[in-house]
């Protein structure tokens, strides 16, 4: 009988120790949580980025002239940038337009049809073209994004976004290939 009472007491101590350990862990986690920034509800697309370093990297690595805007007014804010040479030399440069809409420049050597469908999230060719600075761009319309598309020099350039075709055309007009 002495062994049973000892085991019972040992079991109660183990449960008590486990509860104390759990309480300490919860308090520690709460303490850390207090000191972490809590701006997760802010839209990451609104945070401006400097894209100059990535642009130079892309210009050196890409097998096509990399498009980036020149002469846009200060109301256009760059919000995302990346170059992935391993993914068909994919160049991405995202902006927030003056009317708070999303506009992006996407370029790649990927098969044009596949690339356009992927980056526009399923937008379809309307059969209509838009001429900007003497260059012809095909208009695509989609549920999420509209786009202006042009293929030349072995790469497809897509200017897409939730902005109007007028704003997309403004971005196209500002693009200077380097």
Protein backbone atom coordinates (compact mmCIF):
# COMPACT_ATOMS: atom_id res chain seq x y z
CA UNK A 1 0.00 0.00 0.00
CA UNK A 2 2.94 2.32 0.64
CA UNK A 3 4.01 1.98 -2.97
CA UNK A 4 0.57 3.02 -4.29
CA UNK A 5 0.44 6.12 -2.09
CA UNK A 6 3.96 7.07 -3.21
CA UNK A 7 3.05 6.62 -6.87
CA UNK A 8 -0.09 8.71 -6.42
CA UNK A 9 1.87 11.51 -4.79
CA UNK A 10 4.52 11.33 -7.52
CA UNK A 11 1.82 11.52 -10.20
CA UNK A 12 0.30 14.63 -8.60
CA UNK A 13 3.72 16.28 -8.43
CA UNK A 14 4.35 15.51 -12.13
CA UNK A 15 1.02 17.10 -13.12
CA UNK A 16 1.74 20.13 -10.92
CA UNK A 17 5.25 20.50 -12.38
CA UNK A 18 3.86 20.21 -15.90
CA UNK A 19 1.28 22.96 -15.18
CA UNK A 20 3.97 25.22 -13.71
CA UNK A 21 6.17 24.69 -16.77
CA UNK A 22 3.27 25.43 -19.09
CA UNK A 23 2.43 28.62 -17.16
CA UNK A 24 6.03 29.83 -17.41
CA UNK A 25 6.10 29.12 -21.15
CA UNK A 26 2.82 31.02 -21.72
CA UNK A 27 4.08 33.99 -19.69
CA UNK A 28 7.35 34.01 -21.63
CA UNK A 29 5.51 33.89 -24.98
CA UNK A 30 3.22 36.73 -23.87
CA UNK A 31 6.20 38.81 -22.81
CA UNK A 32 7.87 38.34 -26.21
CA UNK A 33 4.60 39.13 -28.01
CA UNK A 34 4.47 42.51 -26.25
CA UNK A 35 7.76 43.56 -27.83
CA UNK A 36 7.09 42.40 -31.39
CA UNK A 37 5.73 44.93 -33.93
CA UNK A 38 2.03 44.43 -34.66
CA UNK A 39 1.61 46.13 -38.03
CA UNK A 40 0.50 42.98 -39.84
CA UNK A 41 -2.80 44.61 -40.69
CA UNK A 42 -1.07 47.25 -42.79
CA UNK A 43 -1.05 46.68 -46.54
CA UNK A 44 2.48 45.64 -47.60
CA UNK A 45 1.78 46.99 -51.09
CA UNK A 46 1.73 50.51 -49.65
CA UNK A 47 5.29 50.34 -48.34
CA UNK A 48 7.62 52.04 -50.85
CA UNK A 49 10.81 50.26 -51.95
CA UNK A 50 13.96 51.37 -53.72
CA UNK A 51 14.43 49.20 -56.80
CA UNK A 52 17.69 50.61 -58.20
CA UNK A 53 19.99 47.79 -57.03
CA UNK A 54 17.67 45.06 -58.32
CA UNK A 55 17.30 46.95 -61.62
CA UNK A 56 21.07 47.03 -62.14
CA UNK A 57 21.28 43.32 -61.29
CA UNK A 58 18.51 42.49 -63.76
CA UNK A 59 20.08 44.66 -66.47
CA UNK A 60 23.35 42.77 -66.13
CA UNK A 61 21.78 39.31 -66.06
CA UNK A 62 18.73 39.42 -68.32
CA UNK A 63 19.08 38.42 -71.98
CA UNK A 64 16.65 41.20 -72.99
CA UNK A 65 16.42 44.96 -72.43
CA UNK A 66 14.95 45.34 -68.93
CA UNK A 67 12.05 47.78 -68.75
CA UNK A 68 11.80 50.29 -65.92
CA UNK A 69 9.95 53.60 -65.78
CA UNK A 70 11.64 56.92 -66.35
CA UNK A 71 10.05 60.25 -65.60
CA UNK A 72 7.03 59.15 -63.58
CA UNK A 73 5.95 61.77 -61.09
CA UNK A 74 6.47 61.26 -57.36
CA UNK A 75 2.90 60.07 -56.85
CA UNK A 76 3.86 56.69 -58.32
CA UNK A 77 5.36 54.52 -55.56
CA UNK A 78 7.43 51.40 -56.20
CA UNK A 79 6.18 48.71 -53.80
CA UNK A 80 7.80 45.45 -54.95
CA UNK A 81 10.75 44.34 -57.02
CA UNK A 82 12.49 41.08 -57.90
CA UNK A 83 14.54 39.43 -60.61
CA UNK A 84 14.73 35.66 -60.89
CA UNK A 85 17.15 34.45 -63.52
CA UNK A 86 16.35 30.83 -62.74
CA UNK A 87 12.66 31.41 -63.59
CA UNK A 88 12.94 32.34 -67.27
CA UNK A 89 14.70 35.60 -66.39
CA UNK A 90 11.57 36.96 -64.73
CA UNK A 91 11.67 40.69 -63.91
CA UNK A 92 8.92 42.16 -61.70
CA UNK A 93 8.45 45.76 -60.63
CA UNK A 94 5.23 46.70 -58.82
CA UNK A 95 3.82 50.17 -58.21
CA UNK A 96 0.99 51.97 -56.50
CA UNK A 97 -0.46 54.49 -58.95
CA UNK A 98 -1.50 58.03 -57.96
CA UNK A 99 -5.10 56.79 -57.63
CA UNK A 100 -3.95 53.97 -55.28
CA UNK A 101 -4.26 51.18 -57.83
CA UNK A 102 -1.78 48.39 -58.48
CA UNK A 103 0.37 48.55 -61.62
CA UNK A 104 3.24 46.17 -62.39
CA UNK A 105 5.83 45.62 -65.07
CA UNK A 106 6.52 41.93 -65.70
CA UNK A 107 9.07 40.58 -68.20
CA UNK A 108 10.21 37.07 -69.00
CA UNK A 109 11.62 34.78 -71.65
CA UNK A 110 8.99 32.19 -70.69
CA UNK A 111 6.58 31.06 -73.42
CA UNK A 112 4.40 34.20 -73.94
CA UNK A 113 0.99 32.57 -73.63
CA UNK A 114 1.90 30.75 -70.40
CA UNK A 115 3.62 33.80 -68.92
CA UNK A 116 0.80 36.23 -69.70
CA UNK A 117 -1.87 33.91 -68.34
CA UNK A 118 0.09 33.33 -65.13
CA UNK A 119 1.01 36.94 -64.29
CA UNK A 120 -2.38 38.39 -65.26
CA UNK A 121 -4.17 35.58 -63.40
CA UNK A 122 -6.14 34.50 -66.41
CA UNK A 123 -6.76 37.72 -68.33
CA UNK A 124 -7.76 37.14 -71.96
CA UNK A 125 -6.68 38.84 -75.18
CA UNK A 126 -9.44 41.22 -76.29
CA UNK A 127 -8.22 41.38 -79.89
CA UNK A 128 -7.81 45.15 -79.43
CA UNK A 129 -4.49 46.96 -79.55
CA UNK A 130 -3.25 50.19 -78.03
CA UNK A 131 -0.41 52.18 -79.55
CA UNK A 132 1.94 53.90 -77.13
CA UNK A 133 4.91 55.90 -78.47
CA UNK A 134 4.62 54.14 -81.83
CA UNK A 135 4.65 50.61 -80.33
CA UNK A 136 1.63 48.33 -80.53
CA UNK A 137 0.48 46.62 -77.33
CA UNK A 138 -2.28 44.01 -77.08
CA UNK A 139 -5.05 44.63 -74.54
CA UNK A 140 -5.97 41.86 -72.11
CA UNK A 141 -8.91 41.97 -69.72
CA UNK A 142 -9.39 39.86 -66.63
CA UNK A 143 -11.40 39.59 -63.45
CA UNK A 144 -8.46 40.67 -61.32
CA UNK A 145 -6.07 42.48 -63.67
CA UNK A 146 -6.14 44.14 -67.07
CA UNK A 147 -2.93 44.28 -69.07
CA UNK A 148 -1.03 45.65 -72.03
CA UNK A 149 1.25 43.02 -73.60
CA UNK A 150 4.10 43.16 -76.09
CA UNK A 151 6.60 40.51 -77.19
CA UNK A 152 9.92 41.54 -78.73
CA UNK A 153 13.65 40.88 -78.40
CA UNK A 154 12.96 37.36 -77.12
CA UNK A 155 10.97 38.54 -74.11
CA UNK A 156 7.38 39.33 -73.26
CA UNK A 157 6.61 42.54 -71.41
CA UNK A 158 3.33 42.77 -69.52
CA UNK A 159 2.12 45.96 -67.85
CA UNK A 160 -0.77 44.85 -65.68
CA UNK A 161 -2.83 45.95 -62.77
CA UNK A 162 -6.10 46.97 -61.24
CA UNK A 163 -5.61 50.47 -62.68
CA UNK A 164 -7.37 51.76 -65.79
CA UNK A 165 -5.96 51.24 -69.28
CA UNK A 166 -5.12 54.95 -69.21
CA UNK A 167 -2.83 54.41 -66.18
CA UNK A 168 -1.40 51.23 -67.69
CA UNK A 169 -0.66 53.25 -70.85
CA UNK A 170 1.06 55.91 -68.74
CA UNK A 171 3.34 53.23 -67.30
CA UNK A 172 4.03 51.80 -70.77
CA UNK A 173 4.88 55.31 -72.00
CA UNK A 174 7.39 55.80 -69.19
CA UNK A 175 9.24 52.53 -69.77
CA UNK A 176 12.80 52.90 -70.88
CA UNK A 177 14.56 49.68 -71.75
CA UNK A 178 18.16 49.51 -70.65
